Amino acid sequence: MTRTSAHRFLQPALVSAIFCADRWTKVWAEGSLAPVRSIRVLPFFHLTYVQNTGAAWGMMQGRNAFLIGFSVLLLAALLFLKRRWPKTNFWSHYGLVLVAGGALGNLYDRIVFGYVIDFLDFLVWPVFNVADSCITVGACCLAWGLHRAEKEEARLEG
C-alpha cells in the first residue's frame, strides 16, 4: 500500500473519529451541563451549556434551514474541489478532514435537534464546541495548503 493510498483510507476514518468525539462531548454536555447551565473550571474558562440556533458568534439565529443547506453545499463543494488538489498537499487534504468532521457534527445537531450544542466558554469569546474548533483549525490548514500549492504552481510556471 502506498503512502497516498493509506491516506485515502485514513481520511474517512479521521472524519468519523472527529464526528464521534464531537457527538460524545455534546451528549456529555447535555447530560452534565444542561441541568446546571455552567461550571467554572478556571477563572477564564467555564463549561457552559448553550443551544445555538445560529452560526458563529450567534449570527443568523433561527435560520436553521439555511444553515443546513449552506453546510451541505460547502461540504459538496470542498469534496468536489479536493480532486484538483495535489495528492501530496497534506495541509489541504487534512484541513478538509477537520472541516468535514466538524461540519458533519454541527449538521447532525441542526438536523436532529434544530440547534447546535455549544459548551466551551472562555468568557471573552462566544461559546463553542469541538466541531467548531475542528472547522476553524481545518479552515486555517486548508488556506495554508492552498496558499502553498499556489506558490508552488507559480514557482513551476515562472
N, C-alpha and C. Protein backbone atom coordinates (compact mmCIF):
# COMPACT_ATOMS: atom_id res chain seq x y z
N MET A 1 0.85 -1.18 0.00
CA MET A 1 0.00 0.00 0.00
C MET A 1 0.90 1.24 0.00
N THR A 2 0.64 2.17 -0.90
CA THR A 2 1.45 3.38 -0.99
C THR A 2 1.01 4.37 0.08
N ARG A 3 1.87 5.35 0.27
CA ARG A 3 1.60 6.35 1.29
C ARG A 3 0.31 7.12 1.00
N THR A 4 0.09 7.53 -0.26
CA THR A 4 -1.11 8.29 -0.58
C THR A 4 -2.36 7.42 -0.51
N SER A 5 -2.27 6.12 -0.86
CA SER A 5 -3.45 5.27 -0.74
C SER A 5 -3.80 5.04 0.74
N ALA A 6 -2.79 4.98 1.59
CA ALA A 6 -3.05 4.86 3.03
C ALA A 6 -3.81 6.08 3.54
N HIS A 7 -3.44 7.25 3.04
CA HIS A 7 -4.14 8.48 3.44
C HIS A 7 -5.58 8.47 2.96
N ARG A 8 -5.82 7.85 1.81
CA ARG A 8 -7.18 7.79 1.28
C ARG A 8 -8.10 7.02 2.23
N PHE A 9 -7.57 6.03 2.93
CA PHE A 9 -8.36 5.27 3.90
C PHE A 9 -8.36 5.93 5.27
N LEU A 10 -7.27 6.60 5.60
CA LEU A 10 -7.15 7.26 6.89
C LEU A 10 -8.08 8.47 7.01
N GLN A 11 -8.22 9.20 5.93
CA GLN A 11 -9.02 10.43 5.98
C GLN A 11 -10.48 10.19 6.38
N PRO A 12 -11.20 9.23 5.76
CA PRO A 12 -12.57 8.98 6.23
C PRO A 12 -12.63 8.50 7.68
N ALA A 13 -11.63 7.73 8.09
CA ALA A 13 -11.60 7.26 9.48
C ALA A 13 -11.44 8.45 10.44
N LEU A 14 -10.62 9.42 10.07
CA LEU A 14 -10.44 10.61 10.91
C LEU A 14 -11.69 11.48 10.93
N VAL A 15 -12.37 11.60 9.79
CA VAL A 15 -13.64 12.34 9.77
C VAL A 15 -14.62 11.69 10.74
N SER A 16 -14.70 10.37 10.69
CA SER A 16 -15.59 9.63 11.61
C SER A 16 -15.19 9.83 13.07
N ALA A 17 -13.89 9.80 13.34
CA ALA A 17 -13.41 9.98 14.71
C ALA A 17 -13.75 11.38 15.23
N ILE A 18 -13.59 12.39 14.38
CA ILE A 18 -13.93 13.77 14.77
C ILE A 18 -15.42 13.87 15.05
N PHE A 19 -16.23 13.31 14.17
CA PHE A 19 -17.68 13.32 14.36
C PHE A 19 -18.05 12.65 15.68
N CYS A 20 -17.47 11.49 15.94
CA CYS A 20 -17.78 10.75 17.18
C CYS A 20 -17.33 11.51 18.43
N ALA A 21 -16.15 12.11 18.38
CA ALA A 21 -15.67 12.90 19.52
C ALA A 21 -16.59 14.09 19.77
N ASP A 22 -17.03 14.73 18.70
CA ASP A 22 -17.94 15.86 18.84
C ASP A 22 -19.27 15.41 19.44
N ARG A 23 -19.83 14.31 18.93
CA ARG A 23 -21.09 13.80 19.46
C ARG A 23 -20.95 13.42 20.93
N TRP A 24 -19.87 12.71 21.27
CA TRP A 24 -19.68 12.28 22.65
C TRP A 24 -19.63 13.49 23.59
N THR A 25 -18.88 14.52 23.22
CA THR A 25 -18.77 15.70 24.10
C THR A 25 -20.10 16.43 24.20
N LYS A 26 -20.88 16.45 23.13
CA LYS A 26 -22.18 17.12 23.19
C LYS A 26 -23.19 16.32 24.02
N VAL A 27 -23.15 15.01 23.92
CA VAL A 27 -24.01 14.17 24.76
C VAL A 27 -23.64 14.39 26.23
N TRP A 28 -22.33 14.44 26.50
CA TRP A 28 -21.88 14.71 27.87
C TRP A 28 -22.37 16.07 28.33
N ALA A 29 -22.22 17.09 27.47
CA ALA A 29 -22.64 18.45 27.85
C ALA A 29 -24.13 18.50 28.13
N GLU A 30 -24.90 17.84 27.30
CA GLU A 30 -26.35 17.86 27.51
C GLU A 30 -26.74 17.17 28.82
N GLY A 31 -26.09 16.07 29.12
CA GLY A 31 -26.42 15.34 30.35
C GLY A 31 -25.87 15.98 31.60
N SER A 32 -24.67 16.54 31.51
CA SER A 32 -24.00 17.06 32.71
C SER A 32 -24.13 18.57 32.89
N LEU A 33 -24.16 19.29 31.81
CA LEU A 33 -24.18 20.76 31.93
C LEU A 33 -25.56 21.37 31.83
N ALA A 34 -26.44 20.77 31.03
CA ALA A 34 -27.77 21.36 30.85
C ALA A 34 -28.47 21.61 32.19
N PRO A 35 -28.42 20.66 33.14
CA PRO A 35 -29.11 20.91 34.41
C PRO A 35 -28.51 22.05 35.23
N VAL A 36 -27.19 22.26 35.14
CA VAL A 36 -26.55 23.29 35.96
C VAL A 36 -26.20 24.54 35.17
N ARG A 37 -26.27 24.47 33.87
CA ARG A 37 -26.01 25.56 32.92
C ARG A 37 -24.53 25.90 32.78
N SER A 38 -23.77 26.04 33.87
CA SER A 38 -22.37 26.45 33.75
C SER A 38 -21.56 25.97 34.94
N ILE A 39 -20.32 25.55 34.65
CA ILE A 39 -19.38 25.13 35.69
C ILE A 39 -18.08 25.91 35.48
N ARG A 40 -17.63 26.55 36.54
CA ARG A 40 -16.36 27.27 36.47
C ARG A 40 -15.22 26.26 36.59
N VAL A 41 -14.34 26.22 35.59
CA VAL A 41 -13.20 25.32 35.60
C VAL A 41 -11.94 26.10 35.98
N LEU A 42 -11.75 27.24 35.38
CA LEU A 42 -10.65 28.17 35.67
C LEU A 42 -11.23 29.57 35.69
N PRO A 43 -10.51 30.54 36.21
CA PRO A 43 -11.07 31.90 36.23
C PRO A 43 -11.46 32.41 34.83
N PHE A 44 -10.78 31.93 33.79
CA PHE A 44 -11.05 32.41 32.42
C PHE A 44 -11.76 31.37 31.55
N PHE A 45 -12.13 30.22 32.13
CA PHE A 45 -12.75 29.17 31.34
C PHE A 45 -13.87 28.48 32.12
N HIS A 46 -15.05 28.45 31.49
CA HIS A 46 -16.21 27.76 32.06
C HIS A 46 -16.71 26.73 31.06
N LEU A 47 -17.42 25.75 31.54
CA LEU A 47 -18.19 24.84 30.69
C LEU A 47 -19.63 25.31 30.81
N THR A 48 -20.17 25.85 29.73
CA THR A 48 -21.48 26.48 29.75
C THR A 48 -22.36 25.89 28.66
N TYR A 49 -23.50 25.35 29.03
CA TYR A 49 -24.39 24.71 28.07
C TYR A 49 -25.20 25.78 27.33
N VAL A 50 -25.13 25.74 25.98
CA VAL A 50 -25.86 26.69 25.14
C VAL A 50 -26.48 25.93 23.97
N GLN A 51 -27.71 26.25 23.65
CA GLN A 51 -28.35 25.73 22.44
C GLN A 51 -28.33 26.85 21.41
N ASN A 52 -27.46 26.73 20.43
CA ASN A 52 -27.22 27.78 19.43
C ASN A 52 -28.03 27.49 18.17
N THR A 53 -29.01 28.35 17.88
CA THR A 53 -29.82 28.19 16.67
C THR A 53 -29.25 28.97 15.50
N GLY A 54 -28.09 29.59 15.70
CA GLY A 54 -27.48 30.37 14.64
C GLY A 54 -26.12 29.83 14.25
N ALA A 55 -25.33 30.70 13.66
CA ALA A 55 -23.98 30.35 13.23
C ALA A 55 -22.99 30.90 14.26
N ALA A 56 -21.75 31.04 13.84
CA ALA A 56 -20.71 31.56 14.73
C ALA A 56 -21.09 32.93 15.28
N TRP A 57 -20.70 33.17 16.52
CA TRP A 57 -20.95 34.43 17.22
C TRP A 57 -22.43 34.77 17.32
N GLY A 58 -23.27 33.74 17.23
CA GLY A 58 -24.70 33.96 17.38
C GLY A 58 -25.37 34.63 16.19
N MET A 59 -24.66 34.75 15.07
CA MET A 59 -25.26 35.37 13.88
C MET A 59 -26.31 34.44 13.30
N MET A 60 -27.27 34.99 12.61
CA MET A 60 -28.30 34.25 11.88
C MET A 60 -29.12 33.34 12.77
N GLN A 61 -29.46 33.78 13.96
CA GLN A 61 -30.28 32.99 14.88
C GLN A 61 -31.60 32.61 14.20
N GLY A 62 -31.99 31.36 14.35
CA GLY A 62 -33.26 30.89 13.83
C GLY A 62 -33.25 30.59 12.33
N ARG A 63 -32.11 30.62 11.69
CA ARG A 63 -32.02 30.35 10.23
C ARG A 63 -31.48 28.94 10.00
N ASN A 64 -32.01 27.99 10.72
CA ASN A 64 -31.52 26.61 10.71
C ASN A 64 -31.57 25.99 9.32
N ALA A 65 -32.67 26.15 8.60
CA ALA A 65 -32.80 25.55 7.27
C ALA A 65 -31.73 26.09 6.33
N PHE A 66 -31.51 27.39 6.38
CA PHE A 66 -30.46 27.99 5.54
C PHE A 66 -29.09 27.43 5.92
N LEU A 67 -28.81 27.33 7.21
CA LEU A 67 -27.50 26.84 7.66
C LEU A 67 -27.30 25.36 7.32
N ILE A 68 -28.36 24.57 7.33
CA ILE A 68 -28.26 23.17 6.89
C ILE A 68 -27.90 23.13 5.41
N GLY A 69 -28.62 23.90 4.60
CA GLY A 69 -28.34 23.94 3.16
C GLY A 69 -26.93 24.43 2.87
N PHE A 70 -26.52 25.46 3.57
CA PHE A 70 -25.17 26.01 3.37
C PHE A 70 -24.11 24.97 3.72
N SER A 71 -24.30 24.25 4.83
CA SER A 71 -23.34 23.22 5.24
C SER A 71 -23.23 22.11 4.21
N VAL A 72 -24.35 21.67 3.70
CA VAL A 72 -24.35 20.61 2.68
C VAL A 72 -23.64 21.08 1.42
N LEU A 73 -23.95 22.30 0.97
CA LEU A 73 -23.30 22.84 -0.23
C LEU A 73 -21.80 23.03 -0.03
N LEU A 74 -21.40 23.51 1.14
CA LEU A 74 -19.99 23.70 1.43
C LEU A 74 -19.25 22.37 1.41
N LEU A 75 -19.80 21.36 2.05
CA LEU A 75 -19.16 20.04 2.05
C LEU A 75 -19.06 19.47 0.63
N ALA A 76 -20.13 19.61 -0.14
CA ALA A 76 -20.12 19.10 -1.52
C ALA A 76 -19.06 19.83 -2.35
N ALA A 77 -18.98 21.15 -2.21
CA ALA A 77 -18.00 21.93 -2.97
C ALA A 77 -16.58 21.54 -2.59
N LEU A 78 -16.31 21.39 -1.31
CA LEU A 78 -14.97 21.01 -0.87
C LEU A 78 -14.59 19.62 -1.37
N LEU A 79 -15.52 18.68 -1.32
CA LEU A 79 -15.24 17.33 -1.80
C LEU A 79 -15.00 17.33 -3.31
N PHE A 80 -15.73 18.16 -4.03
CA PHE A 80 -15.52 18.27 -5.47
C PHE A 80 -14.15 18.88 -5.78
N LEU A 81 -13.81 19.95 -5.08
CA LEU A 81 -12.52 20.63 -5.31
C LEU A 81 -11.33 19.78 -4.88
N LYS A 82 -11.54 18.91 -3.91
CA LYS A 82 -10.47 18.06 -3.38
C LYS A 82 -9.77 17.28 -4.50
N ARG A 83 -10.53 16.88 -5.51
CA ARG A 83 -9.95 16.11 -6.61
C ARG A 83 -8.90 16.89 -7.39
N ARG A 84 -8.95 18.20 -7.33
CA ARG A 84 -7.99 19.05 -8.06
C ARG A 84 -6.71 19.30 -7.28
N TRP A 85 -6.74 19.04 -5.98
CA TRP A 85 -5.58 19.32 -5.15
C TRP A 85 -4.52 18.26 -5.35
N PRO A 86 -3.25 18.66 -5.36
CA PRO A 86 -2.19 17.64 -5.47
C PRO A 86 -2.30 16.64 -4.32
N LYS A 87 -2.09 15.38 -4.61
CA LYS A 87 -2.19 14.33 -3.59
C LYS A 87 -1.19 14.54 -2.46
N THR A 88 -0.10 15.23 -2.74
CA THR A 88 0.95 15.45 -1.73
C THR A 88 0.68 16.68 -0.86
N ASN A 89 -0.40 17.42 -1.14
CA ASN A 89 -0.72 18.62 -0.36
C ASN A 89 -1.52 18.21 0.88
N PHE A 90 -0.79 17.68 1.87
CA PHE A 90 -1.44 17.16 3.07
C PHE A 90 -2.13 18.25 3.89
N TRP A 91 -1.63 19.48 3.85
CA TRP A 91 -2.29 20.58 4.57
C TRP A 91 -3.73 20.73 4.10
N SER A 92 -3.92 20.74 2.79
CA SER A 92 -5.28 20.91 2.24
C SER A 92 -6.15 19.69 2.53
N HIS A 93 -5.61 18.51 2.31
CA HIS A 93 -6.40 17.30 2.49
C HIS A 93 -6.79 17.09 3.95
N TYR A 94 -5.88 17.32 4.89
CA TYR A 94 -6.22 17.13 6.29
C TYR A 94 -6.98 18.33 6.85
N GLY A 95 -6.83 19.50 6.24
CA GLY A 95 -7.69 20.62 6.58
C GLY A 95 -9.13 20.28 6.24
N LEU A 96 -9.32 19.66 5.08
CA LEU A 96 -10.66 19.23 4.68
C LEU A 96 -11.20 18.18 5.65
N VAL A 97 -10.36 17.28 6.11
CA VAL A 97 -10.78 16.27 7.09
C VAL A 97 -11.34 16.95 8.33
N LEU A 98 -10.63 17.94 8.85
CA LEU A 98 -11.08 18.66 10.04
C LEU A 98 -12.39 19.41 9.79
N VAL A 99 -12.45 20.13 8.66
CA VAL A 99 -13.67 20.88 8.33
C VAL A 99 -14.84 19.92 8.16
N ALA A 100 -14.64 18.83 7.42
CA ALA A 100 -15.73 17.89 7.17
C ALA A 100 -16.22 17.24 8.46
N GLY A 101 -15.31 16.78 9.31
CA GLY A 101 -15.71 16.17 10.57
C GLY A 101 -16.50 17.14 11.44
N GLY A 102 -16.02 18.36 11.54
CA GLY A 102 -16.72 19.37 12.33
C GLY A 102 -18.05 19.77 11.73
N ALA A 103 -18.07 19.97 10.42
CA ALA A 103 -19.32 20.36 9.75
C ALA A 103 -20.37 19.27 9.89
N LEU A 104 -19.95 18.02 9.77
CA LEU A 104 -20.91 16.92 9.94
C LEU A 104 -21.45 16.86 11.37
N GLY A 105 -20.59 17.14 12.35
CA GLY A 105 -21.04 17.16 13.74
C GLY A 105 -22.10 18.22 13.99
N ASN A 106 -21.85 19.43 13.50
CA ASN A 106 -22.84 20.50 13.68
C ASN A 106 -24.08 20.28 12.81
N LEU A 107 -23.89 19.72 11.62
CA LEU A 107 -25.01 19.42 10.74
C LEU A 107 -25.95 18.40 11.40
N TYR A 108 -25.38 17.40 12.02
CA TYR A 108 -26.17 16.40 12.75
C TYR A 108 -27.05 17.11 13.79
N ASP A 109 -26.45 17.98 14.58
CA ASP A 109 -27.22 18.70 15.61
C ASP A 109 -28.35 19.51 14.99
N ARG A 110 -28.05 20.23 13.92
CA ARG A 110 -29.07 21.08 13.29
C ARG A 110 -30.24 20.25 12.78
N ILE A 111 -29.94 19.09 12.17
CA ILE A 111 -30.99 18.25 11.61
C ILE A 111 -31.79 17.56 12.72
N VAL A 112 -31.11 17.00 13.71
CA VAL A 112 -31.77 16.21 14.75
C VAL A 112 -32.45 17.08 15.81
N PHE A 113 -31.77 18.15 16.26
CA PHE A 113 -32.28 18.95 17.37
C PHE A 113 -32.83 20.32 16.95
N GLY A 114 -32.39 20.84 15.82
CA GLY A 114 -32.79 22.19 15.41
C GLY A 114 -31.89 23.26 15.99
N TYR A 115 -30.81 22.85 16.64
CA TYR A 115 -29.82 23.77 17.21
C TYR A 115 -28.52 23.00 17.38
N VAL A 116 -27.44 23.75 17.60
CA VAL A 116 -26.12 23.16 17.85
C VAL A 116 -25.81 23.32 19.33
N ILE A 117 -25.30 22.26 19.94
CA ILE A 117 -24.93 22.30 21.35
C ILE A 117 -23.51 22.85 21.47
N ASP A 118 -23.37 23.95 22.19
CA ASP A 118 -22.07 24.57 22.48
C ASP A 118 -21.82 24.51 23.97
N PHE A 119 -20.55 24.46 24.37
CA PHE A 119 -20.28 24.36 25.81
C PHE A 119 -18.90 24.86 26.23
N LEU A 120 -17.98 25.12 25.33
CA LEU A 120 -16.65 25.62 25.70
C LEU A 120 -16.71 27.14 25.78
N ASP A 121 -16.47 27.69 26.95
CA ASP A 121 -16.71 29.11 27.20
C ASP A 121 -15.48 29.76 27.84
N PHE A 122 -14.78 30.55 27.03
CA PHE A 122 -13.62 31.30 27.53
C PHE A 122 -14.00 32.70 28.02
N LEU A 123 -15.28 32.98 28.10
CA LEU A 123 -15.85 34.20 28.67
C LEU A 123 -15.63 35.45 27.82
N VAL A 124 -14.60 35.51 27.01
CA VAL A 124 -14.34 36.67 26.16
C VAL A 124 -14.63 36.34 24.70
N TRP A 125 -15.13 35.14 24.46
CA TRP A 125 -15.37 34.64 23.11
C TRP A 125 -16.71 33.92 23.14
N PRO A 126 -17.47 33.91 22.07
CA PRO A 126 -18.73 33.16 22.10
C PRO A 126 -18.50 31.68 22.44
N VAL A 127 -19.45 31.07 23.09
CA VAL A 127 -19.37 29.66 23.48
C VAL A 127 -19.32 28.83 22.19
N PHE A 128 -18.48 27.78 22.20
CA PHE A 128 -18.30 26.95 21.01
C PHE A 128 -18.16 25.49 21.40
N ASN A 129 -17.86 24.62 20.44
CA ASN A 129 -17.77 23.18 20.69
C ASN A 129 -16.59 22.56 19.95
N VAL A 130 -16.44 21.26 20.05
CA VAL A 130 -15.34 20.54 19.40
C VAL A 130 -15.44 20.69 17.88
N ALA A 131 -16.64 20.58 17.34
CA ALA A 131 -16.82 20.71 15.89
C ALA A 131 -16.37 22.09 15.41
N ASP A 132 -16.75 23.13 16.13
CA ASP A 132 -16.34 24.49 15.76
C ASP A 132 -14.82 24.62 15.75
N SER A 133 -14.17 24.02 16.74
CA SER A 133 -12.71 24.05 16.82
C SER A 133 -12.09 23.37 15.61
N CYS A 134 -12.62 22.21 15.24
CA CYS A 134 -12.10 21.48 14.08
C CYS A 134 -12.32 22.27 12.79
N ILE A 135 -13.48 22.90 12.65
CA ILE A 135 -13.76 23.70 11.46
C ILE A 135 -12.78 24.86 11.37
N THR A 136 -12.52 25.54 12.47
CA THR A 136 -11.61 26.69 12.47
C THR A 136 -10.18 26.28 12.15
N VAL A 137 -9.68 25.27 12.83
CA VAL A 137 -8.31 24.80 12.57
C VAL A 137 -8.22 24.24 11.16
N GLY A 138 -9.24 23.49 10.74
CA GLY A 138 -9.24 22.94 9.39
C GLY A 138 -9.26 24.00 8.31
N ALA A 139 -10.03 25.06 8.52
CA ALA A 139 -10.07 26.15 7.53
C ALA A 139 -8.69 26.82 7.42
N CYS A 140 -8.01 26.98 8.54
CA CYS A 140 -6.65 27.55 8.51
C CYS A 140 -5.69 26.61 7.77
N CYS A 141 -5.79 25.31 8.03
CA CYS A 141 -4.94 24.34 7.33
C CYS A 141 -5.24 24.34 5.83
N LEU A 142 -6.51 24.39 5.49
CA LEU A 142 -6.91 24.45 4.08
C LEU A 142 -6.33 25.68 3.41
N ALA A 143 -6.49 26.83 4.04
CA ALA A 143 -5.97 28.07 3.47
C ALA A 143 -4.46 28.00 3.29
N TRP A 144 -3.76 27.48 4.28
CA TRP A 144 -2.30 27.36 4.20
C TRP A 144 -1.90 26.40 3.06
N GLY A 145 -2.58 25.27 2.98
CA GLY A 145 -2.28 24.30 1.94
C GLY A 145 -2.55 24.84 0.55
N LEU A 146 -3.66 25.55 0.38
CA LEU A 146 -3.96 26.11 -0.92
C LEU A 146 -2.99 27.24 -1.27
N HIS A 147 -2.59 28.01 -0.28
CA HIS A 147 -1.59 29.06 -0.49
C HIS A 147 -0.26 28.45 -0.94
N ARG A 148 0.15 27.39 -0.25
CA ARG A 148 1.41 26.72 -0.62
C ARG A 148 1.33 26.13 -2.02
N ALA A 149 0.20 25.54 -2.37
CA ALA A 149 0.03 24.97 -3.71
C ALA A 149 0.10 26.05 -4.78
N GLU A 150 -0.52 27.19 -4.48
CA GLU A 150 -0.49 28.32 -5.42
C GLU A 150 0.93 28.83 -5.61
N LYS A 151 1.68 28.95 -4.52
CA LYS A 151 3.07 29.39 -4.61
C LYS A 151 3.92 28.39 -5.39
N GLU A 152 3.69 27.11 -5.17
CA GLU A 152 4.43 26.06 -5.88
C GLU A 152 4.12 26.09 -7.37
N GLU A 153 2.85 26.28 -7.70
CA GLU A 153 2.45 26.36 -9.09
C GLU A 153 3.08 27.56 -9.77
N ALA A 154 3.09 28.72 -9.09
CA ALA A 154 3.71 29.93 -9.63
C ALA A 154 5.22 29.72 -9.81
N ARG A 155 5.84 29.02 -8.88
CA ARG A 155 7.28 28.76 -8.98
C ARG A 155 7.58 27.89 -10.20
N LEU A 156 6.74 26.88 -10.42
CA LEU A 156 6.96 25.97 -11.55
C LEU A 156 6.70 26.66 -12.90
N GLU A 157 5.74 27.60 -12.90
CA GLU A 157 5.44 28.32 -14.14
C GLU A 157 6.47 29.40 -14.44
N GLY A 158 7.09 29.95 -13.41
CA GLY A 158 7.99 31.09 -13.58
C GLY A 158 9.37 30.68 -13.70
